[in-house]
PDB file of N, CA and C in Angstrom:
ATOM      1  N   MET A   1      76.268 147.834  98.717  1.00  0.00           N
ATOM      2  CA  MET A   1      77.115 147.111  99.644  1.00  0.00           C
ATOM      3  C   MET A   1      77.537 148.071 100.737  1.00  0.00           C
ATOM      4  N   LYS A   2      77.623 147.567 101.952  1.00  0.00           N
ATOM      5  CA  LYS A   2      78.066 148.416 103.050  1.00  0.00           C
ATOM      6  C   LYS A   2      79.265 147.777 103.743  1.00  0.00           C
ATOM      7  N   GLU A   3      80.112 148.631 104.301  1.00  0.00           N
ATOM      8  CA  GLU A   3      81.321 148.165 104.982  1.00  0.00           C
ATOM      9  C   GLU A   3      80.974 147.702 106.387  1.00  0.00           C
ATOM     10  N   SER A   4      81.648 146.657 106.842  1.00  0.00           N
ATOM     11  CA  SER A   4      81.556 146.240 108.234  1.00  0.00           C
ATOM     12  C   SER A   4      82.958 145.840 108.678  1.00  0.00           C
ATOM     13  N   GLU A   5      83.118 145.550 109.957  1.00  0.00           N
ATOM     14  CA  GLU A   5      84.434 145.152 110.449  1.00  0.00           C
ATOM     15  C   GLU A   5      84.869 143.828 109.850  1.00  0.00           C
ATOM     16  N   LEU A   6      83.916 142.990 109.471  1.00  0.00           N
ATOM     17  CA  LEU A   6      84.241 141.672 108.939  1.00  0.00           C
ATOM     18  C   LEU A   6      84.384 141.652 107.424  1.00  0.00           C
ATOM     19  N   GLY A   7      84.122 142.730 106.780  1.00  0.00           N
ATOM     20  CA  GLY A   7      84.197 142.763 105.325  1.00  0.00           C
ATOM     21  C   GLY A   7      83.095 143.629 104.763  1.00  0.00           C
ATOM     22  N   LYS A   8      82.673 143.307 103.574  1.00  0.00           N
ATOM     23  CA  LYS A   8      81.608 144.051 102.911  1.00  0.00           C
ATOM     24  C   LYS A   8      80.339 143.218 102.918  1.00  0.00           C
ATOM     25  N   THR A   9      79.227 143.894 103.086  1.00  0.00           N
ATOM     26  CA  THR A   9      77.934 143.225 103.035  1.00  0.00           C
ATOM     27  C   THR A   9      77.363 143.413 101.637  1.00  0.00           C
ATOM     28  N   TYR A  10      77.072 142.309 100.980  1.00  0.00           N
ATOM     29  CA  TYR A  10      76.496 142.321  99.634  1.00  0.00           C
ATOM     30  C   TYR A  10      75.028 141.932  99.717  1.00  0.00           C
ATOM     31  N   LYS A  11      74.205 142.621  98.939  1.00  0.00           N
ATOM     32  CA  LYS A  11      72.767 142.333  98.879  1.00  0.00           C
ATOM     33  C   LYS A  11      72.534 141.151  97.935  1.00  0.00           C
ATOM     34  N   ASP A  12      71.353 140.559  98.040  1.00  0.00           N
ATOM     35  CA  ASP A  12      70.975 139.445  97.180  1.00  0.00           C
ATOM     36  C   ASP A  12      71.172 139.811  95.703  1.00  0.00           C
ATOM     37  N   GLY A  13      71.904 138.972  94.981  1.00  0.00           N
ATOM     38  CA  GLY A  13      72.125 139.179  93.558  1.00  0.00           C
ATOM     39  C   GLY A  13      73.279 140.101  93.214  1.00  0.00           C
ATOM     40  N   GLU A  14      73.860 140.754  94.195  1.00  0.00           N
ATOM     41  CA  GLU A  14      74.961 141.687  93.937  1.00  0.00           C
ATOM     42  C   GLU A  14      76.231 140.915  93.564  1.00  0.00           C
ATOM     43  N   ILE A  15      76.895 141.380  92.502  1.00  0.00           N
ATOM     44  CA  ILE A  15      78.113 140.742  92.009  1.00  0.00           C
ATOM     45  C   ILE A  15      79.292 141.094  92.914  1.00  0.00           C
ATOM     46  N   ILE A  16      80.035 140.081  93.323  1.00  0.00           N
ATOM     47  CA  ILE A  16      81.233 140.269  94.141  1.00  0.00           C
ATOM     48  C   ILE A  16      82.455 140.341  93.238  1.00  0.00           C
ATOM     49  N   CYS A  17      82.543 139.444  92.283  1.00  0.00           N
ATOM     50  CA  CYS A  17      83.580 139.506  91.247  1.00  0.00           C
ATOM     51  C   CYS A  17      83.013 138.889  89.973  1.00  0.00           C
ATOM     52  N   ARG A  18      83.509 139.365  88.838  1.00  0.00           N
ATOM     53  CA  ARG A  18      82.943 138.974  87.548  1.00  0.00           C
ATOM     54  C   ARG A  18      83.971 138.231  86.700  1.00  0.00           C
ATOM     55  N   GLU A  19      83.505 137.186  86.050  1.00  0.00           N
ATOM     56  CA  GLU A  19      84.334 136.414  85.134  1.00  0.00           C
ATOM     57  C   GLU A  19      84.973 137.344  84.097  1.00  0.00           C
ATOM     58  N   GLY A  20      86.275 137.160  83.863  1.00  0.00           N
ATOM     59  CA  GLY A  20      86.988 137.956  82.871  1.00  0.00           C
ATOM     60  C   GLY A  20      87.674 139.182  83.431  1.00  0.00           C
ATOM     61  N   GLU A  21      87.255 139.640  84.618  1.00  0.00           N
ATOM     62  CA  GLU A  21      87.892 140.804  85.238  1.00  0.00           C
ATOM     63  C   GLU A  21      89.266 140.440  85.780  1.00  0.00           C
ATOM     64  N   GLU A  22      90.104 141.460  85.919  1.00  0.00           N
ATOM     65  CA  GLU A  22      91.397 141.268  86.553  1.00  0.00           C
ATOM     66  C   GLU A  22      91.167 140.990  88.038  1.00  0.00           C
ATOM     67  N   GLY A  23      91.864 139.990  88.544  1.00  0.00           N
ATOM     68  CA  GLY A  23      91.727 139.650  89.956  1.00  0.00           C
ATOM     69  C   GLY A  23      92.921 140.154  90.747  1.00  0.00           C
ATOM     70  N   LYS A  24      92.646 140.929  91.781  1.00  0.00           N
ATOM     71  CA  LYS A  24      93.718 141.459  92.616  1.00  0.00           C
ATOM     72  C   LYS A  24      93.581 141.014  94.066  1.00  0.00           C
ATOM     73  N   SER A  25      92.529 140.266  94.372  1.00  0.00           N
ATOM     74  CA  SER A  25      92.312 139.847  95.750  1.00  0.00           C
ATOM     75  C   SER A  25      91.564 138.526  95.796  1.00  0.00           C
ATOM     76  N   MET A  26      91.609 137.898  96.968  1.00  0.00           N
ATOM     77  CA  MET A  26      90.816 136.704  97.233  1.00  0.00           C
ATOM     78  C   MET A  26      89.760 137.078  98.263  1.00  0.00           C
ATOM     79  N   PHE A  27      88.817 136.190  98.492  1.00  0.00           N
ATOM     80  CA  PHE A  27      87.689 136.495  99.349  1.00  0.00           C
ATOM     81  C   PHE A  27      87.427 135.355 100.338  1.00  0.00           C
ATOM     82  N   VAL A  28      86.978 135.726 101.528  1.00  0.00           N
ATOM     83  CA  VAL A  28      86.579 134.767 102.552  1.00  0.00           C
ATOM     84  C   VAL A  28      85.145 135.096 102.942  1.00  0.00           C
ATOM     85  N   ILE A  29      84.269 134.112 102.872  1.00  0.00           N
ATOM     86  CA  ILE A  29      82.866 134.326 103.226  1.00  0.00           C
ATOM     87  C   ILE A  29      82.735 134.331 104.744  1.00  0.00           C
ATOM     88  N   GLN A  30      82.277 135.451 105.278  1.00  0.00           N
ATOM     89  CA  GLN A  30      82.091 135.599 106.724  1.00  0.00           C
ATOM     90  C   GLN A  30      80.698 135.145 107.152  1.00  0.00           C
ATOM     91  N   SER A  31      79.703 135.382 106.297  1.00  0.00           N
ATOM     92  CA  SER A  31      78.348 134.896 106.554  1.00  0.00           C
ATOM     93  C   SER A  31      77.575 134.913 105.245  1.00  0.00           C
ATOM     94  N   GLY A  32      76.555 134.087 105.183  1.00  0.00           N
ATOM     95  CA  GLY A  32      75.717 134.031 103.992  1.00  0.00           C
ATOM     96  C   GLY A  32      76.205 133.011 102.980  1.00  0.00           C
ATOM     97  N   THR A  33      75.639 133.113 101.796  1.00  0.00           N
ATOM     98  CA  THR A  33      75.922 132.176 100.710  1.00  0.00           C
ATOM     99  C   THR A  33      76.205 132.960  99.442  1.00  0.00           C
ATOM    100  N   VAL A  34      77.138 132.444  98.633  1.00  0.00           N
ATOM    101  CA  VAL A  34      77.418 133.026  97.330  1.00  0.00           C
ATOM    102  C   VAL A  34      77.276 131.946  96.263  1.00  0.00           C
ATOM    103  N   GLU A  35      76.972 132.380  95.054  1.00  0.00           N
ATOM    104  CA  GLU A  35      76.825 131.484  93.913  1.00  0.00           C
ATOM    105  C   GLU A  35      77.972 131.724  92.945  1.00  0.00           C
ATOM    106  N   VAL A  36      78.628 130.652  92.531  1.00  0.00           N
ATOM    107  CA  VAL A  36      79.728 130.723  91.571  1.00  0.00           C
ATOM    108  C   VAL A  36      79.207 130.204  90.240  1.00  0.00           C
ATOM    109  N   SER A  37      79.335 131.018  89.181  1.00  0.00           N
ATOM    110  CA  SER A  37      78.811 130.606  87.874  1.00  0.00           C
ATOM    111  C   SER A  37      79.791 130.954  86.758  1.00  0.00           C
ATOM    112  N   LYS A  38      79.578 130.304  85.629  1.00  0.00           N
ATOM    113  CA  LYS A  38      80.427 130.498  84.451  1.00  0.00           C
ATOM    114  C   LYS A  38      79.540 130.731  83.240  1.00  0.00           C
ATOM    115  N   LYS A  39      79.988 131.632  82.362  1.00  0.00           N
ATOM    116  CA  LYS A  39      79.257 131.885  81.123  1.00  0.00           C
ATOM    117  C   LYS A  39      79.529 130.758  80.139  1.00  0.00           C
ATOM    118  N   LEU A  40      78.477 130.306  79.477  1.00  0.00           N
ATOM    119  CA  LEU A  40      78.582 129.320  78.405  1.00  0.00           C
ATOM    120  C   LEU A  40      77.833 129.863  77.197  1.00  0.00           C
ATOM    121  N   PRO A  41      78.109 129.355  76.008  1.00  0.00           N
ATOM    122  CA  PRO A  41      77.358 129.831  74.842  1.00  0.00           C
ATOM    123  C   PRO A  41      75.842 129.670  75.013  1.00  0.00           C
ATOM    124  N   GLU A  42      75.433 128.632  75.757  1.00  0.00           N
ATOM    125  CA  GLU A  42      74.002 128.367  75.967  1.00  0.00           C
ATOM    126  C   GLU A  42      73.408 129.203  77.091  1.00  0.00           C
ATOM    127  N   GLY A  43      74.239 129.873  77.843  1.00  0.00           N
ATOM    128  CA  GLY A  43      73.755 130.651  78.984  1.00  0.00           C
ATOM    129  C   GLY A  43      74.713 130.558  80.155  1.00  0.00           C
ATOM    130  N   LYS A  44      74.159 130.517  81.362  1.00  0.00           N
ATOM    131  CA  LYS A  44      74.963 130.484  82.580  1.00  0.00           C
ATOM    132  C   LYS A  44      74.897 129.093  83.208  1.00  0.00           C
ATOM    133  N   MET A  45      76.047 128.629  83.705  1.00  0.00           N
ATOM    134  CA  MET A  45      76.081 127.367  84.431  1.00  0.00           C
ATOM    135  C   MET A  45      76.538 127.652  85.864  1.00  0.00           C
ATOM    136  N   VAL A  46      75.730 127.254  86.838  1.00  0.00           N
ATOM    137  CA  VAL A  46      76.105 127.403  88.242  1.00  0.00           C
ATOM    138  C   VAL A  46      77.067 126.278  88.577  1.00  0.00           C
ATOM    139  N   LEU A  47      78.262 126.660  89.027  1.00  0.00           N
ATOM    140  CA  LEU A  47      79.279 125.671  89.367  1.00  0.00           C
ATOM    141  C   LEU A  47      79.097 125.151  90.782  1.00  0.00           C
ATOM    142  N   ARG A  48      78.778 126.059  91.700  1.00  0.00           N
ATOM    143  CA  ARG A  48      78.588 125.662  93.092  1.00  0.00           C
ATOM    144  C   ARG A  48      78.089 126.834  93.911  1.00  0.00           C
ATOM    145  N   ASN A  49      77.597 126.519  95.088  1.00  0.00           N
ATOM    146  CA  ASN A  49      77.262 127.522  96.092  1.00  0.00           C
ATOM    147  C   ASN A  49      78.273 127.364  97.216  1.00  0.00           C
ATOM    148  N   MET A  50      78.684 128.467  97.798  1.00  0.00           N
ATOM    149  CA  MET A  50      79.675 128.452  98.873  1.00  0.00           C
ATOM    150  C   MET A  50      79.108 129.183 100.077  1.00  0.00           C
ATOM    151  N   THR A  51      79.547 128.793 101.275  1.00  0.00           N
ATOM    152  CA  THR A  51      79.027 129.390 102.499  1.00  0.00           C
ATOM    153  C   THR A  51      80.148 129.791 103.457  1.00  0.00           C
ATOM    154  N   LYS A  52      79.751 130.196 104.633  1.00  0.00           N
ATOM    155  CA  LYS A  52      80.659 130.720 105.657  1.00  0.00           C
ATOM    156  C   LYS A  52      81.942 129.893 105.794  1.00  0.00           C
ATOM    157  N   GLY A  53      83.071 130.627 105.788  1.00  0.00           N
ATOM    158  CA  GLY A  53      84.376 130.004 105.980  1.00  0.00           C
ATOM    159  C   GLY A  53      85.051 129.587 104.695  1.00  0.00           C
ATOM    160  N   GLU A  54      84.309 129.532 103.596  1.00  0.00           N
ATOM    161  CA  GLU A  54      84.916 129.124 102.330  1.00  0.00           C
ATOM    162  C   GLU A  54      85.627 130.301 101.672  1.00  0.00           C
ATOM    163  N   ILE A  55      86.606 129.969 100.851  1.00  0.00           N
ATOM    164  CA  ILE A  55      87.465 130.949 100.181  1.00  0.00           C
ATOM    165  C   ILE A  55      87.247 130.842  98.676  1.00  0.00           C
ATOM    166  N   PHE A  56      87.222 131.979  98.011  1.00  0.00           N
ATOM    167  CA  PHE A  56      87.165 131.973  96.544  1.00  0.00           C
ATOM    168  C   PHE A  56      88.020 133.110  96.006  1.00  0.00           C
ATOM    169  N   GLY A  57      88.362 133.013  94.726  1.00  0.00           N
ATOM    170  CA  GLY A  57      89.169 134.052  94.085  1.00  0.00           C
ATOM    171  C   GLY A  57      90.650 133.961  94.378  1.00  0.00           C
ATOM    172  N   GLU A  58      91.064 132.906  95.064  1.00  0.00           N
ATOM    173  CA  GLU A  58      92.460 132.794  95.463  1.00  0.00           C
ATOM    174  C   GLU A  58      93.414 132.586  94.296  1.00  0.00           C
ATOM    175  N   MET A  59      92.926 132.054  93.194  1.00  0.00           N
ATOM    176  CA  MET A  59      93.802 131.844  92.030  1.00  0.00           C
ATOM    177  C   MET A  59      94.405 133.158  91.554  1.00  0.00           C
ATOM    178  N   ALA A  60      93.677 134.251  91.718  1.00  0.00           N
ATOM    179  CA  ALA A  60      94.149 135.565  91.276  1.00  0.00           C
ATOM    180  C   ALA A  60      95.436 135.977  91.979  1.00  0.00           C
ATOM    181  N   LEU A  61      95.656 135.476  93.193  1.00  0.00           N
ATOM    182  CA  LEU A  61      96.869 135.828  93.922  1.00  0.00           C
ATOM    183  C   LEU A  61      98.090 135.111  93.361  1.00  0.00           C
ATOM    184  N   PHE A  62      97.867 134.024  92.645  1.00  0.00           N
ATOM    185  CA  PHE A  62      98.973 133.196  92.187  1.00  0.00           C
ATOM    186  C   PHE A  62      99.226 133.238  90.684  1.00  0.00           C
ATOM    187  N   ASP A  63      98.172 133.316  89.871  1.00  0.00           N
ATOM    188  CA  ASP A  63      98.403 133.161  88.429  1.00  0.00           C
ATOM    189  C   ASP A  63      98.220 134.420  87.583  1.00  0.00           C
ATOM    190  N   ARG A  64      97.754 135.500  88.157  1.00  0.00           N
ATOM    191  CA  ARG A  64      97.587 136.783  87.448  1.00  0.00           C
ATOM    192  C   ARG A  64      96.708 136.673  86.195  1.00  0.00           C
ATOM    193  N   MET A  65      95.835 135.704  86.166  1.00  0.00           N
ATOM    194  CA  MET A  65      94.915 135.519  85.051  1.00  0.00           C
ATOM    195  C   MET A  65      93.578 136.173  85.396  1.00  0.00           C
ATOM    196  N   PRO A  66      92.753 136.454  84.388  1.00  0.00           N
ATOM    197  CA  PRO A  66      91.428 137.027  84.672  1.00  0.00           C
ATOM    198  C   PRO A  66      90.580 136.057  85.498  1.00  0.00           C
ATOM    199  N   ARG A  67      89.596 136.586  86.182  1.00  0.00           N
ATOM    200  CA  ARG A  67      88.688 135.760  86.979  1.00  0.00           C
ATOM    201  C   ARG A  67      88.072 134.683  86.097  1.00  0.00           C
ATOM    202  N   SER A  68      87.995 133.465  86.621  1.00  0.00           N
ATOM    203  CA  SER A  68      87.484 132.340  85.835  1.00  0.00           C
ATOM    204  C   SER A  68      85.980 132.138  86.004  1.00  0.00           C
ATOM    205  N   ALA A  69      85.364 132.862  86.927  1.00  0.00           N
ATOM    206  CA  ALA A  69      83.933 132.711  87.171  1.00  0.00           C
ATOM    207  C   ALA A  69      83.382 134.002  87.778  1.00  0.00           C
ATOM    208  N   THR A  70      82.073 134.099  87.764  1.00  0.00           N
ATOM    209  CA  THR A  70      81.368 135.207  88.410  1.00  0.00           C
ATOM    210  C   THR A  70      80.842 134.708  89.751  1.00  0.00           C
ATOM    211  N   VAL A  71      80.958 135.546  90.768  1.00  0.00           N
ATOM    212  CA  VAL A  71      80.445 135.189  92.094  1.00  0.00           C
ATOM    213  C   VAL A  71      79.488 136.285  92.522  1.00  0.00           C
ATOM    214  N   LYS A  72      78.280 135.867  92.938  1.00  0.00           N
ATOM    215  CA  LYS A  72      77.293 136.838  93.412  1.00  0.00           C
ATOM    216  C   LYS A  72      76.668 136.344  94.707  1.00  0.00           C
ATOM    217  N   ALA A  73      76.156 137.288  95.477  1.00  0.00           N
ATOM    218  CA  ALA A  73      75.511 136.966  96.748  1.00  0.00           C
ATOM    219  C   ALA A  73      74.160 136.309  96.500  1.00  0.00           C
ATOM    220  N   LYS A  74      73.869 135.288  97.301  1.00  0.00           N
ATOM    221  CA  LYS A  74      72.534 134.668  97.313  1.00  0.00           C
ATOM    222  C   LYS A  74      71.948 135.032  98.664  1.00  0.00           C
ATOM    223  N   GLY A  75      71.076 135.988  98.674  1.00  0.00           N
ATOM    224  CA  GLY A  75      70.650 136.572  99.939  1.00  0.00           C
ATOM    225  C   GLY A  75      71.754 137.525 100.367  1.00  0.00           C
ATOM    226  N   GLU A  76      71.696 137.970 101.596  1.00  0.00           N
ATOM    227  CA  GLU A  76      72.735 138.873 102.083  1.00  0.00           C
ATOM    228  C   GLU A  76      73.971 138.052 102.462  1.00  0.00           C
ATOM    229  N   ALA A  77      75.149 138.544 102.068  1.00  0.00           N
ATOM    230  CA  ALA A  77      76.402 137.856 102.383  1.00  0.00           C
ATOM    231  C   ALA A  77      77.457 138.874 102.809  1.00  0.00           C
ATOM    232  N   VAL A  78      78.228 138.521 103.817  1.00  0.00           N
ATOM    233  CA  VAL A  78      79.346 139.356 104.255  1.00  0.00           C
ATOM    234  C   VAL A  78      80.620 138.660 103.808  1.00  0.00           C
ATOM    235  N   VAL A  79      81.435 139.382 103.038  1.00  0.00           N
ATOM    236  CA  VAL A  79      82.621 138.795 102.418  1.00  0.00           C
ATOM    237  C   VAL A  79      83.829 139.686 102.674  1.00  0.00           C
ATOM    238  N   LEU A  80      84.880 139.077 103.174  1.00  0.00           N
ATOM    239  CA  LEU A  80      86.135 139.768 103.442  1.00  0.00           C
ATOM    240  C   LEU A  80      87.042 139.646 102.222  1.00  0.00           C
ATOM    241  N   SER A  81      87.613 140.748 101.792  1.00  0.00           N
ATOM    242  CA  SER A  81      88.546 140.783 100.659  1.00  0.00           C
ATOM    243  C   SER A  81      89.970 140.890 101.189  1.00  0.00           C
ATOM    244  N   ILE A  82      90.871 140.068 100.638  1.00  0.00           N
ATOM    245  CA  ILE A  82      92.280 140.099 101.038  1.00  0.00           C
ATOM    246  C   ILE A  82      93.127 140.253  99.784  1.00  0.00           C
ATOM    247  N   ASP A  83      93.901 141.349  99.715  1.00  0.00           N
ATOM    248  CA  ASP A  83      94.748 141.548  98.536  1.00  0.00           C
ATOM    249  C   ASP A  83      96.043 140.746  98.672  1.00  0.00           C
ATOM    250  N   LYS A  84      96.812 140.715  97.599  1.00  0.00           N
ATOM    251  CA  LYS A  84      98.028 139.913  97.547  1.00  0.00           C
ATOM    252  C   LYS A  84      99.022 140.296  98.647  1.00  0.00           C
ATOM    253  N   LYS A  85      99.233 141.585  98.835  1.00  0.00           N
ATOM    254  CA  LYS A  85     100.172 142.059  99.851  1.00  0.00           C
ATOM    255  C   LYS A  85      99.723 141.613 101.242  1.00  0.00           C
ATOM    256  N   GLY A  86      98.438 141.772 101.527  1.00  0.00           N
ATOM    257  CA  GLY A  86      97.895 141.362 102.815  1.00  0.00           C
ATOM    258  C   GLY A  86      97.994 139.862 103.026  1.00  0.00           C
ATOM    259  N   PHE A  87      97.729 139.098 101.958  1.00  0.00           N
ATOM    260  CA  PHE A  87      97.816 137.641 102.065  1.00  0.00           C
ATOM    261  C   PHE A  87      99.236 137.196 102.396  1.00  0.00           C
ATOM    262  N   PHE A  88     100.219 137.722 101.658  1.00  0.00           N
ATOM    263  CA  PHE A  88     101.600 137.292 101.893  1.00  0.00           C
ATOM    264  C   PHE A  88     102.122 137.767 103.245  1.00  0.00           C
ATOM    265  N   ALA A  89     101.672 138.917 103.709  1.00  0.00           N
ATOM    266  CA  ALA A  89     102.069 139.390 105.038  1.00  0.00           C
ATOM    267  C   ALA A  89     101.526 138.435 106.109  1.00  0.00           C
ATOM    268  N   LYS A  90     100.255 138.030 105.963  1.00  0.00           N
ATOM    269  CA  LYS A  90      99.666 137.110 106.935  1.00  0.00           C
ATOM    270  C   LYS A  90     100.270 135.714 106.813  1.00  0.00           C
ATOM    271  N   ALA A  91     100.512 135.266 105.579  1.00  0.00           N
ATOM    272  CA  ALA A  91     101.068 133.921 105.367  1.00  0.00           C
ATOM    273  C   ALA A  91     102.493 133.815 105.901  1.00  0.00           C
ATOM    274  N   SER A  92     103.253 134.911 105.860  1.00  0.00           N
ATOM    275  CA  SER A  92     104.617 134.855 106.383  1.00  0.00           C
ATOM    276  C   SER A  92     104.615 134.711 107.907  1.00  0.00           C
ATOM    277  N   LYS A  93     103.578 135.228 108.557  1.00  0.00           N
ATOM    278  CA  LYS A  93     103.446 135.098 110.011  1.00  0.00           C
ATOM    279  C   LYS A  93     102.800 133.766 110.399  1.00  0.00           C
ATOM    280  N   ASP A  94     101.902 133.282 109.536  1.00  0.00           N
ATOM    281  CA  ASP A  94     101.191 132.036 109.814  1.00  0.00           C
ATOM    282  C   ASP A  94     101.107 131.201 108.535  1.00  0.00           C
ATOM    283  N   PRO A  95     102.119 130.333 108.293  1.00  0.00           N
ATOM    284  CA  PRO A  95     102.149 129.528 107.063  1.00  0.00           C
ATOM    285  C   PRO A  95     100.953 128.597 106.891  1.00  0.00           C
ATOM    286  N   THR A  96     100.208 128.320 107.978  1.00  0.00           N
ATOM    287  CA  THR A  96      99.040 127.456 107.830  1.00  0.00           C
ATOM    288  C   THR A  96      97.981 128.105 106.942  1.00  0.00           C
ATOM    289  N   LEU A  97      97.991 129.422 106.854  1.00  0.00           N
ATOM    290  CA  LEU A  97      97.057 130.117 105.960  1.00  0.00           C
ATOM    291  C   LEU A  97      97.278 129.667 104.516  1.00  0.00           C
ATOM    292  N   ALA A  98      98.538 129.666 104.083  1.00  0.00           N
ATOM    293  CA  ALA A  98      98.858 129.226 102.719  1.00  0.00           C
ATOM    294  C   ALA A  98      98.497 127.756 102.541  1.00  0.00           C
ATOM    295  N   PHE A  99      98.774 126.939 103.557  1.00  0.00           N
ATOM    296  CA  PHE A  99      98.429 125.515 103.483  1.00  0.00           C
ATOM    297  C   PHE A  99      96.924 125.343 103.308  1.00  0.00           C
ATOM    298  N   ASN A 100      96.126 126.108 104.051  1.00  0.00           N
ATOM    299  CA  ASN A 100      94.669 126.008 103.947  1.00  0.00           C
ATOM    300  C   ASN A 100      94.176 126.384 102.558  1.00  0.00           C
ATOM    301  N   ILE A 101      94.804 127.374 101.957  1.00  0.00           N
ATOM    302  CA  ILE A 101      94.440 127.775 100.592  1.00  0.00           C
ATOM    303  C   ILE A 101      94.728 126.628  99.625  1.00  0.00           C
ATOM    304  N   VAL A 102      95.922 126.065  99.716  1.00  0.00           N
ATOM    305  CA  VAL A 102      96.311 124.961  98.826  1.00  0.00           C
ATOM    306  C   VAL A 102      95.411 123.749  99.068  1.00  0.00           C
ATOM    307  N   GLU A 103      95.085 123.485 100.316  1.00  0.00           N
ATOM    308  CA  GLU A 103      94.206 122.364 100.641  1.00  0.00           C
ATOM    309  C   GLU A 103      92.830 122.550  99.986  1.00  0.00           C
ATOM    310  N   GLY A 104      92.294 123.758 100.081  1.00  0.00           N
ATOM    311  CA  GLY A 104      90.999 124.039  99.457  1.00  0.00           C
ATOM    312  C   GLY A 104      91.047 123.901  97.947  1.00  0.00           C
ATOM    313  N   MET A 105      92.117 124.397  97.336  1.00  0.00           N
ATOM    314  CA  MET A 105      92.267 124.276  95.885  1.00  0.00           C
ATOM    315  C   MET A 105      92.385 122.805  95.493  1.00  0.00           C
ATOM    316  N   SER A 106      93.106 122.030  96.279  1.00  0.00           N
ATOM    317  CA  SER A 106      93.269 120.607  96.010  1.00  0.00           C
ATOM    318  C   SER A 106      91.933 119.880  96.057  1.00  0.00           C
ATOM    319  N   LYS A 107      91.096 120.200  97.041  1.00  0.00           N
ATOM    320  CA  LYS A 107      89.772 119.576  97.147  1.00  0.00           C
ATOM    321  C   LYS A 107      88.928 119.881  95.914  1.00  0.00           C
ATOM    322  N   ARG A 108      88.983 121.143  95.474  1.00  0.00           N
ATOM    323  CA  ARG A 108      88.188 121.515  94.290  1.00  0.00           C
ATOM    324  C   ARG A 108      88.701 120.816  93.039  1.00  0.00           C
ATOM    325  N   ILE A 109      90.014 120.663  92.911  1.00  0.00           N
ATOM    326  CA  ILE A 109      90.577 119.949  91.757  1.00  0.00           C
ATOM    327  C   ILE A 109      90.124 118.491  91.783  1.00  0.00           C
ATOM    328  N   ARG A 110      90.139 117.879  92.959  1.00  0.00           N
ATOM    329  CA  ARG A 110      89.670 116.487  93.071  1.00  0.00           C
ATOM    330  C   ARG A 110      88.185 116.374  92.689  1.00  0.00           C
ATOM    331  N   GLU A 111      87.371 117.321  93.144  1.00  0.00           N
ATOM    332  CA  GLU A 111      85.944 117.316  92.791  1.00  0.00           C
ATOM    333  C   GLU A 111      85.770 117.426  91.281  1.00  0.00           C
ATOM    334  N   LEU A 112      86.511 118.332  90.668  1.00  0.00           N
ATOM    335  CA  LEU A 112      86.428 118.503  89.216  1.00  0.00           C
ATOM    336  C   LEU A 112      86.888 117.245  88.479  1.00  0.00           C
ATOM    337  N   THR A 113      87.934 116.614  88.968  1.00  0.00           N
ATOM    338  CA  THR A 113      88.431 115.380  88.356  1.00  0.00           C
ATOM    339  C   THR A 113      87.370 114.289  88.428  1.00  0.00           C
ATOM    340  N   ARG A 114      86.713 114.158  89.600  1.00  0.00           N
ATOM    341  CA  ARG A 114      85.632 113.174  89.747  1.00  0.00           C
ATOM    342  C   ARG A 114      84.493 113.452  88.772  1.00  0.00           C
ATOM    343  N   GLU A 115      84.102 114.728  88.688  1.00  0.00           N
ATOM    344  CA  GLU A 115      83.011 115.096  87.780  1.00  0.00           C
ATOM    345  C   GLU A 115      83.381 114.814  86.323  1.00  0.00           C
ATOM    346  N   LEU A 116      84.600 115.151  85.950  1.00  0.00           N
ATOM    347  CA  LEU A 116      85.040 114.895  84.574  1.00  0.00           C
ATOM    348  C   LEU A 116      85.093 113.401  84.265  1.00  0.00           C
ATOM    349  N   SER A 117      85.541 112.606  85.218  1.00  0.00           N
ATOM    350  CA  SER A 117      85.607 111.164  84.975  1.00  0.00           C
ATOM    351  C   SER A 117      84.207 110.577  84.847  1.00  0.00           C
ATOM    352  N   LYS A 118      83.239 111.069  85.632  1.00  0.00           N
ATOM    353  CA  LYS A 118      81.853 110.620  85.488  1.00  0.00           C
ATOM    354  C   LYS A 118      81.320 110.979  84.109  1.00  0.00           C
ATOM    355  N   TYR A 119      81.599 112.207  83.685  1.00  0.00           N
ATOM    356  CA  TYR A 119      81.147 112.672  82.378  1.00  0.00           C
ATOM    357  C   TYR A 119      81.757 111.815  81.278  1.00  0.00           C
ATOM    358  N   LYS A 120      83.045 111.535  81.394  1.00  0.00           N
ATOM    359  CA  LYS A 120      83.754 110.713  80.392  1.00  0.00           C
ATOM    360  C   LYS A 120      83.153 109.323  80.341  1.00  0.00           C
ATOM    361  N   GLU A 121      82.915 108.713  81.508  1.00  0.00           N
ATOM    362  CA  GLU A 121      82.314 107.371  81.558  1.00  0.00           C
ATOM    363  C   GLU A 121      80.943 107.377  80.912  1.00  0.00           C
ATOM    364  N   ASP A 122      80.118 108.369  81.221  1.00  0.00           N
ATOM    365  CA  ASP A 122      78.772 108.460  80.650  1.00  0.00           C
ATOM    366  C   ASP A 122      78.816 108.643  79.137  1.00  0.00           C
ATOM    367  N   SER A 123      79.777 109.444  78.649  1.00  0.00           N
ATOM    368  CA  SER A 123      79.824 109.720  77.212  1.00  0.00           C
ATOM    369  C   SER A 123      80.369 108.535  76.424  1.00  0.00           C
ATOM    370  N   GLU A 124      81.046 107.594  77.090  1.00  0.00           N
ATOM    371  CA  GLU A 124      81.591 106.427  76.400  1.00  0.00           C
ATOM    372  C   GLU A 124      80.620 105.262  76.396  1.00  0.00           C
ATOM    373  N   LEU A 125      79.509 105.368  77.118  1.00  0.00           N
ATOM    374  CA  LEU A 125      78.542 104.279  77.149  1.00  0.00           C
ATOM    375  C   LEU A 125      77.859 104.173  75.797  1.00  0.00           C
ATOM    376  N   VAL A 126      77.688 102.943  75.336  1.00  0.00           N
ATOM    377  CA  VAL A 126      77.006 102.696  74.071  1.00  0.00           C
ATOM    378  C   VAL A 126      75.661 102.065  74.387  1.00  0.00           C
ATOM    379  N   TYR A 127      74.616 102.657  73.832  1.00  0.00           N
ATOM    380  CA  TYR A 127      73.259 102.141  74.103  1.00  0.00           C
ATOM    381  C   TYR A 127      72.745 101.369  72.925  1.00  0.00           C
TER     382      TYR A 127
END
């Protein structure tokens, strides 16, 4: 990985953050694509791919829990890291930053709720 003014450049397949690790920062994708995955007993499940402008790892700033997923670069990706102190300093000057984080988290919760309800409906069908 190499440093740039916009963040760090990650090579294809390079891990940005790993499931289970302590999270001390959130990330903003400046360019490229990243893959978010979770370990399962059967192997790895890809949860989603994210691209420029999307934010990940933000839960670490709020809940102090270990990372819930692994994120790696798909192709070359430039990713900006923002620690808790930096986030709160910026959010105090521009509260819309915090709103955007909450809005993004809300969208993901809604997506997960939709997926779970589809799964529940499918599992209740009797053939």
